[in-house]
Amino acid sequence: MLRIQGSLLAMVAVGACAVSMTAFADNPAGLYAGVGVGYSTVRSDDPAYGFPGYFNDHQTAWKVMAGVRPISLVGAELEYIDFGQPSTHRGYFDTNYYGTDSHPRAAALFAVGYLPLPIPLIDIYGKAGVARLQTDVTTTVAANCGTQTTCPQYVTSRRNQTDNKLAYGVGVQSKFWGVAFRAEYERISSSYGDPDALTVGATWTF
């Protein structure tokens, strides 16, 4: 029984390698595209965003990606990721009422490096590059007027900040017949609070 199981595993591995070699012959650049969804953390570390100026909020993130892998150890990947938009954070300061939220999203270009593992179906990789991070911040302010007969209305201000920032991540993927199922963690450095995401997704090799 053990010999039969070992033979079956060997046949699967050989078949997967043969499929991979055929795919490489048809697609020497290793072109692929995919999508992902997961769990993000949106932060604000800037009191200028309003009171309370500091928060961590968890949201649903999604992304689309396309990449190339011309050789087994090195590739490049272009990605768009939306980290989600948290609910408004509210609080009081003196006699004023404040609320703020943030919506970070980015287009990023990564260099991708793969560990040289002796397992043809598994990849472990790291990625680093530059992200065009766009952060839209909405702040709402109104006076806490109490029993006053006149009271200022809500005042809403919007701030749009776009910067080129360092982006990096790590991941693991399993490949079957041209489809790779992956899980990865990514983060973008930002002076306003680093957004990050843990996602699962799939890519298809052309």
C-alpha atoms as a PDB file:
ATOM      1  CA  MET A   1       0.000   0.000   0.000  1.00  0.00           C
ATOM      2  CA  LEU A   2       2.793   2.421   0.880  1.00  0.00           C
ATOM      3  CA  ARG A   3       4.521   1.647  -2.413  1.00  0.00           C
ATOM      4  CA  ILE A   4       1.299   2.312  -4.331  1.00  0.00           C
ATOM      5  CA  GLN A   5       0.771   5.630  -2.528  1.00  0.00           C
ATOM      6  CA  GLY A   6       4.393   6.607  -3.163  1.00  0.00           C
ATOM      7  CA  SER A   7       4.021   5.778  -6.849  1.00  0.00           C
ATOM      8  CA  LEU A   8       0.846   7.829  -7.123  1.00  0.00           C
ATOM      9  CA  LEU A   9       2.515  10.843  -5.516  1.00  0.00           C
ATOM     10  CA  ALA A  10       5.465  10.507  -7.856  1.00  0.00           C
ATOM     11  CA  MET A  11       3.137  10.337 -10.869  1.00  0.00           C
ATOM     12  CA  VAL A  12       1.308  13.479  -9.732  1.00  0.00           C
ATOM     13  CA  ALA A  13       4.583  15.362  -9.258  1.00  0.00           C
ATOM     14  CA  VAL A  14       5.890  14.268 -12.662  1.00  0.00           C
ATOM     15  CA  GLY A  15       2.602  15.203 -14.306  1.00  0.00           C
ATOM     16  CA  ALA A  16       2.610  18.623 -12.665  1.00  0.00           C
ATOM     17  CA  CYS A  17       6.170  19.228 -13.837  1.00  0.00           C
ATOM     18  CA  ALA A  18       5.222  18.206 -17.372  1.00  0.00           C
ATOM     19  CA  VAL A  19       2.259  20.590 -17.354  1.00  0.00           C
ATOM     20  CA  SER A  20       4.491  23.377 -16.019  1.00  0.00           C
ATOM     21  CA  MET A  21       7.089  22.764 -18.751  1.00  0.00           C
ATOM     22  CA  THR A  22       4.372  22.849 -21.422  1.00  0.00           C
ATOM     23  CA  ALA A  23       2.964  26.093 -20.000  1.00  0.00           C
ATOM     24  CA  PHE A  24       6.439  27.616 -19.936  1.00  0.00           C
ATOM     25  CA  ALA A  25       6.999  26.674 -23.574  1.00  0.00           C
ATOM     26  CA  ASP A  26       3.749  28.434 -24.548  1.00  0.00           C
ATOM     27  CA  ASN A  27       4.342  31.419 -22.233  1.00  0.00           C
ATOM     28  CA  PRO A  28       8.100  32.032 -21.823  1.00  0.00           C
ATOM     29  CA  ALA A  29       7.555  35.353 -19.995  1.00  0.00           C
ATOM     30  CA  GLY A  30       5.401  33.641 -17.368  1.00  0.00           C
ATOM     31  CA  LEU A  31       2.535  36.111 -17.771  1.00  0.00           C
ATOM     32  CA  TYR A  32      -0.239  35.807 -15.188  1.00  0.00           C
ATOM     33  CA  ALA A  33      -3.211  37.745 -13.789  1.00  0.00           C
ATOM     34  CA  GLY A  34      -5.384  37.322 -10.736  1.00  0.00           C
ATOM     35  CA  VAL A  35      -7.599  38.672  -7.978  1.00  0.00           C
ATOM     36  CA  GLY A  36      -7.594  38.586  -4.190  1.00  0.00           C
ATOM     37  CA  VAL A  37      -9.728  39.487  -1.189  1.00  0.00           C
ATOM     38  CA  GLY A  38      -9.025  39.619   2.522  1.00  0.00           C
ATOM     39  CA  TYR A  39      -8.748  41.409   5.827  1.00  0.00           C
ATOM     40  CA  SER A  40      -7.129  44.841   6.120  1.00  0.00           C
ATOM     41  CA  THR A  41      -6.128  47.250   8.860  1.00  0.00           C
ATOM     42  CA  VAL A  42      -6.646  50.961   8.172  1.00  0.00           C
ATOM     43  CA  ARG A  43      -4.786  53.263  10.551  1.00  0.00           C
ATOM     44  CA  SER A  44      -4.543  56.947  11.299  1.00  0.00           C
ATOM     45  CA  ASP A  45      -1.456  58.172  13.144  1.00  0.00           C
ATOM     46  CA  ASP A  46      -1.998  61.846  12.323  1.00  0.00           C
ATOM     47  CA  PRO A  47      -3.926  64.100  14.754  1.00  0.00           C
ATOM     48  CA  ALA A  48      -4.401  66.570  11.905  1.00  0.00           C
ATOM     49  CA  TYR A  49      -7.021  64.163  10.570  1.00  0.00           C
ATOM     50  CA  GLY A  50      -9.344  65.318  13.339  1.00  0.00           C
ATOM     51  CA  PHE A  51     -10.201  64.135  16.828  1.00  0.00           C
ATOM     52  CA  PRO A  52      -9.745  61.329  17.567  1.00  0.00           C
ATOM     53  CA  GLY A  53      -6.767  61.408  15.222  1.00  0.00           C
ATOM     54  CA  TYR A  54      -5.528  57.916  16.111  1.00  0.00           C
ATOM     55  CA  PHE A  55      -7.391  54.738  15.227  1.00  0.00           C
ATOM     56  CA  ASN A  56      -7.016  51.187  13.898  1.00  0.00           C
ATOM     57  CA  ASP A  57      -9.951  49.793  11.985  1.00  0.00           C
ATOM     58  CA  HIS A  58     -10.396  46.463  10.225  1.00  0.00           C
ATOM     59  CA  GLN A  59     -12.037  46.274   6.826  1.00  0.00           C
ATOM     60  CA  THR A  60     -12.424  44.070   3.753  1.00  0.00           C
ATOM     61  CA  ALA A  61      -9.678  44.599   1.176  1.00  0.00           C
ATOM     62  CA  TRP A  62      -9.681  43.548  -2.476  1.00  0.00           C
ATOM     63  CA  LYS A  63      -7.120  43.680  -5.258  1.00  0.00           C
ATOM     64  CA  VAL A  64      -6.338  42.826  -8.857  1.00  0.00           C
ATOM     65  CA  MET A  65      -2.865  41.968 -10.134  1.00  0.00           C
ATOM     66  CA  ALA A  66      -0.849  41.064 -13.193  1.00  0.00           C
ATOM     67  CA  GLY A  67       2.727  39.875 -13.361  1.00  0.00           C
ATOM     68  CA  VAL A  68       5.571  38.163 -15.179  1.00  0.00           C
ATOM     69  CA  ARG A  69       7.949  35.428 -14.057  1.00  0.00           C
ATOM     70  CA  PRO A  70      10.525  34.935 -16.824  1.00  0.00           C
ATOM     71  CA  ILE A  71      12.766  32.794 -14.604  1.00  0.00           C
ATOM     72  CA  SER A  72      11.920  30.638 -11.610  1.00  0.00           C
ATOM     73  CA  LEU A  73      13.554  32.864  -8.959  1.00  0.00           C
ATOM     74  CA  VAL A  74      12.612  36.380 -10.093  1.00  0.00           C
ATOM     75  CA  GLY A  75       9.508  38.156 -11.336  1.00  0.00           C
ATOM     76  CA  ALA A  76       7.631  41.452 -11.302  1.00  0.00           C
ATOM     77  CA  GLU A  77       4.054  42.273 -10.379  1.00  0.00           C
ATOM     78  CA  LEU A  78       1.699  45.210 -10.908  1.00  0.00           C
ATOM     79  CA  GLU A  79      -1.176  45.513  -8.450  1.00  0.00           C
ATOM     80  CA  TYR A  80      -4.115  47.689  -7.495  1.00  0.00           C
ATOM     81  CA  ILE A  81      -5.362  47.279  -3.921  1.00  0.00           C
ATOM     82  CA  ASP A  82      -8.264  48.893  -2.082  1.00  0.00           C
ATOM     83  CA  PHE A  83      -7.901  48.621   1.707  1.00  0.00           C
ATOM     84  CA  GLY A  84     -11.539  49.512   2.407  1.00  0.00           C
ATOM     85  CA  GLN A  85     -13.160  52.463   4.141  1.00  0.00           C
ATOM     86  CA  PRO A  86     -13.877  52.329   7.874  1.00  0.00           C
ATOM     87  CA  SER A  87     -16.881  53.834   9.574  1.00  0.00           C
ATOM     88  CA  THR A  88     -16.567  57.365  10.895  1.00  0.00           C
ATOM     89  CA  HIS A  89     -14.729  57.615  14.205  1.00  0.00           C
ATOM     90  CA  ARG A  90     -16.466  60.001  16.585  1.00  0.00           C
ATOM     91  CA  GLY A  91     -15.533  61.880  19.710  1.00  0.00           C
ATOM     92  CA  TYR A  92     -15.736  65.161  21.636  1.00  0.00           C
ATOM     93  CA  PHE A  93     -13.057  67.718  22.280  1.00  0.00           C
ATOM     94  CA  ASP A  94     -13.933  70.778  24.412  1.00  0.00           C
ATOM     95  CA  THR A  95     -17.390  71.763  23.088  1.00  0.00           C
ATOM     96  CA  ASN A  96     -16.921  70.393  19.577  1.00  0.00           C
ATOM     97  CA  TYR A  97     -17.998  67.100  18.041  1.00  0.00           C
ATOM     98  CA  TYR A  98     -15.572  65.424  15.625  1.00  0.00           C
ATOM     99  CA  GLY A  99     -15.708  62.506  13.235  1.00  0.00           C
ATOM    100  CA  THR A 100     -13.131  61.221  10.751  1.00  0.00           C
ATOM    101  CA  ASP A 101     -12.615  58.359   8.334  1.00  0.00           C
ATOM    102  CA  SER A 102      -9.963  57.309   5.823  1.00  0.00           C
ATOM    103  CA  HIS A 103      -9.956  55.356   2.556  1.00  0.00           C
ATOM    104  CA  PRO A 104      -6.466  54.244   1.435  1.00  0.00           C
ATOM    105  CA  ARG A 105      -5.910  52.569  -1.932  1.00  0.00           C
ATOM    106  CA  ALA A 106      -2.857  52.157  -4.101  1.00  0.00           C
ATOM    107  CA  ALA A 107      -1.341  51.063  -7.380  1.00  0.00           C
ATOM    108  CA  ALA A 108       1.946  49.272  -6.701  1.00  0.00           C
ATOM    109  CA  LEU A 109       4.833  47.848  -8.723  1.00  0.00           C
ATOM    110  CA  PHE A 110       6.788  45.031  -7.058  1.00  0.00           C
ATOM    111  CA  ALA A 111       9.928  43.049  -7.697  1.00  0.00           C
ATOM    112  CA  VAL A 112       9.219  39.479  -6.589  1.00  0.00           C
ATOM    113  CA  GLY A 113      11.819  36.965  -5.379  1.00  0.00           C
ATOM    114  CA  TYR A 114      11.059  33.246  -4.967  1.00  0.00           C
ATOM    115  CA  LEU A 115      12.857  30.826  -2.657  1.00  0.00           C
ATOM    116  CA  PRO A 116      14.571  27.957  -4.525  1.00  0.00           C
ATOM    117  CA  LEU A 117      12.483  25.151  -3.042  1.00  0.00           C
ATOM    118  CA  PRO A 118      12.811  21.541  -4.267  1.00  0.00           C
ATOM    119  CA  ILE A 119       8.993  21.264  -4.323  1.00  0.00           C
ATOM    120  CA  PRO A 120       7.500  22.032  -7.767  1.00  0.00           C
ATOM    121  CA  LEU A 121       3.969  22.732  -6.525  1.00  0.00           C
ATOM    122  CA  ILE A 122       4.804  25.262  -3.782  1.00  0.00           C
ATOM    123  CA  ASP A 123       6.290  28.779  -3.929  1.00  0.00           C
ATOM    124  CA  ILE A 124       7.345  30.994  -1.040  1.00  0.00           C
ATOM    125  CA  TYR A 125       8.123  34.547  -2.097  1.00  0.00           C
ATOM    126  CA  GLY A 126       8.850  38.056  -0.939  1.00  0.00           C
ATOM    127  CA  LYS A 127       8.027  41.281  -2.748  1.00  0.00           C
ATOM    128  CA  ALA A 128       9.167  44.881  -2.464  1.00  0.00           C
ATOM    129  CA  GLY A 129       8.521  47.965  -4.550  1.00  0.00           C
ATOM    130  CA  VAL A 130       6.863  51.349  -4.740  1.00  0.00           C
ATOM    131  CA  ALA A 131       3.190  52.189  -4.281  1.00  0.00           C
ATOM    132  CA  ARG A 132       1.252  55.234  -5.415  1.00  0.00           C
ATOM    133  CA  LEU A 133      -0.793  55.532  -2.224  1.00  0.00           C
ATOM    134  CA  GLN A 134      -3.941  57.639  -2.286  1.00  0.00           C
ATOM    135  CA  THR A 135      -5.560  58.444   1.049  1.00  0.00           C
ATOM    136  CA  ASP A 136      -8.900  60.248   1.148  1.00  0.00           C
ATOM    137  CA  VAL A 137      -9.746  61.602   4.595  1.00  0.00           C
ATOM    138  CA  THR A 138     -13.153  63.034   5.493  1.00  0.00           C
ATOM    139  CA  THR A 139     -13.532  65.039   8.716  1.00  0.00           C
ATOM    140  CA  THR A 140     -16.873  66.195  10.104  1.00  0.00           C
ATOM    141  CA  VAL A 141     -17.093  68.887  12.798  1.00  0.00           C
ATOM    142  CA  ALA A 142     -20.104  70.355  14.625  1.00  0.00           C
ATOM    143  CA  ALA A 143     -20.491  72.344  17.826  1.00  0.00           C
ATOM    144  CA  ASN A 144     -21.965  70.689  20.905  1.00  0.00           C
ATOM    145  CA  CYS A 145     -24.477  73.497  21.465  1.00  0.00           C
ATOM    146  CA  GLY A 146     -26.453  72.104  24.355  1.00  0.00           C
ATOM    147  CA  THR A 147     -29.530  74.312  25.005  1.00  0.00           C
ATOM    148  CA  GLN A 148     -28.454  77.163  22.718  1.00  0.00           C
ATOM    149  CA  THR A 149     -31.114  78.357  20.279  1.00  0.00           C
ATOM    150  CA  THR A 150     -28.632  78.798  17.442  1.00  0.00           C
ATOM    151  CA  CYS A 151     -26.039  76.206  16.508  1.00  0.00           C
ATOM    152  CA  PRO A 152     -23.592  75.860  13.635  1.00  0.00           C
ATOM    153  CA  GLN A 153     -24.330  73.128  11.119  1.00  0.00           C
ATOM    154  CA  TYR A 154     -22.020  70.223  10.436  1.00  0.00           C
ATOM    155  CA  VAL A 155     -18.902  71.200   8.543  1.00  0.00           C
ATOM    156  CA  THR A 156     -17.315  68.500   6.403  1.00  0.00           C
ATOM    157  CA  SER A 157     -13.822  68.783   5.008  1.00  0.00           C
ATOM    158  CA  ARG A 158     -12.089  66.364   2.645  1.00  0.00           C
ATOM    159  CA  ARG A 159      -8.395  65.881   2.252  1.00  0.00           C
ATOM    160  CA  ASN A 160      -6.851  63.898  -0.596  1.00  0.00           C
ATOM    161  CA  GLN A 161      -3.217  62.890  -0.134  1.00  0.00           C
ATOM    162  CA  THR A 162      -1.216  61.024  -2.806  1.00  0.00           C
ATOM    163  CA  ASP A 163       2.370  59.879  -2.207  1.00  0.00           C
ATOM    164  CA  ASN A 164       4.907  57.408  -3.551  1.00  0.00           C
ATOM    165  CA  LYS A 165       5.667  55.015  -0.703  1.00  0.00           C
ATOM    166  CA  LEU A 166       7.576  51.807   0.030  1.00  0.00           C
ATOM    167  CA  ALA A 167       5.452  48.665  -0.322  1.00  0.00           C
ATOM    168  CA  TYR A 168       6.453  45.146   0.697  1.00  0.00           C
ATOM    169  CA  GLY A 169       5.020  41.737   1.440  1.00  0.00           C
ATOM    170  CA  VAL A 170       5.464  37.974   1.716  1.00  0.00           C
ATOM    171  CA  GLY A 171       3.381  35.106   0.453  1.00  0.00           C
ATOM    172  CA  VAL A 172       2.974  31.421  -0.335  1.00  0.00           C
ATOM    173  CA  GLN A 173       1.216  29.843  -3.279  1.00  0.00           C
ATOM    174  CA  SER A 174       0.336  26.394  -4.557  1.00  0.00           C
ATOM    175  CA  LYS A 175       0.164  25.765  -8.303  1.00  0.00           C
ATOM    176  CA  PHE A 176      -2.056  23.314 -10.148  1.00  0.00           C
ATOM    177  CA  TRP A 177      -2.458  23.178 -13.932  1.00  0.00           C
ATOM    178  CA  GLY A 178      -1.839  26.862 -14.602  1.00  0.00           C
ATOM    179  CA  VAL A 179      -3.740  28.168 -11.540  1.00  0.00           C
ATOM    180  CA  ALA A 180      -1.946  29.336  -8.401  1.00  0.00           C
ATOM    181  CA  PHE A 181      -3.809  29.723  -5.111  1.00  0.00           C
ATOM    182  CA  ARG A 182      -2.014  32.176  -2.860  1.00  0.00           C
ATOM    183  CA  ALA A 183      -2.074  33.745   0.580  1.00  0.00           C
ATOM    184  CA  GLU A 184      -0.035  36.868   1.230  1.00  0.00           C
ATOM    185  CA  TYR A 185       0.558  39.753   3.572  1.00  0.00           C
ATOM    186  CA  GLU A 186       1.268  43.260   2.233  1.00  0.00           C
ATOM    187  CA  ARG A 187       1.950  46.631   3.839  1.00  0.00           C
ATOM    188  CA  ILE A 188       2.559  50.167   2.597  1.00  0.00           C
ATOM    189  CA  SER A 189       4.646  52.649   4.603  1.00  0.00           C
ATOM    190  CA  SER A 190       2.842  55.919   5.229  1.00  0.00           C
ATOM    191  CA  SER A 191       3.338  58.872   7.558  1.00  0.00           C
ATOM    192  CA  TYR A 192      -0.435  58.784   8.193  1.00  0.00           C
ATOM    193  CA  GLY A 193      -0.548  55.153   9.362  1.00  0.00           C
ATOM    194  CA  ASP A 194       0.616  52.104   7.402  1.00  0.00           C
ATOM    195  CA  PRO A 195      -2.317  50.272   5.755  1.00  0.00           C
ATOM    196  CA  ASP A 196      -1.840  46.521   5.482  1.00  0.00           C
ATOM    197  CA  ALA A 197      -3.801  43.501   4.294  1.00  0.00           C
ATOM    198  CA  LEU A 198      -3.818  39.726   4.612  1.00  0.00           C
ATOM    199  CA  THR A 199      -5.425  38.292   1.485  1.00  0.00           C
ATOM    200  CA  VAL A 200      -6.168  35.047  -0.303  1.00  0.00           C
ATOM    201  CA  GLY A 201      -6.513  34.865  -4.037  1.00  0.00           C
ATOM    202  CA  ALA A 202      -5.806  33.069  -7.263  1.00  0.00           C
ATOM    203  CA  THR A 203      -3.773  33.791 -10.384  1.00  0.00           C
ATOM    204  CA  TRP A 204      -4.003  32.233 -13.808  1.00  0.00           C
ATOM    205  CA  THR A 205      -0.936  31.754 -16.008  1.00  0.00           C
ATOM    206  CA  PHE A 206      -1.605  32.425 -19.682  1.00  0.00           C
END
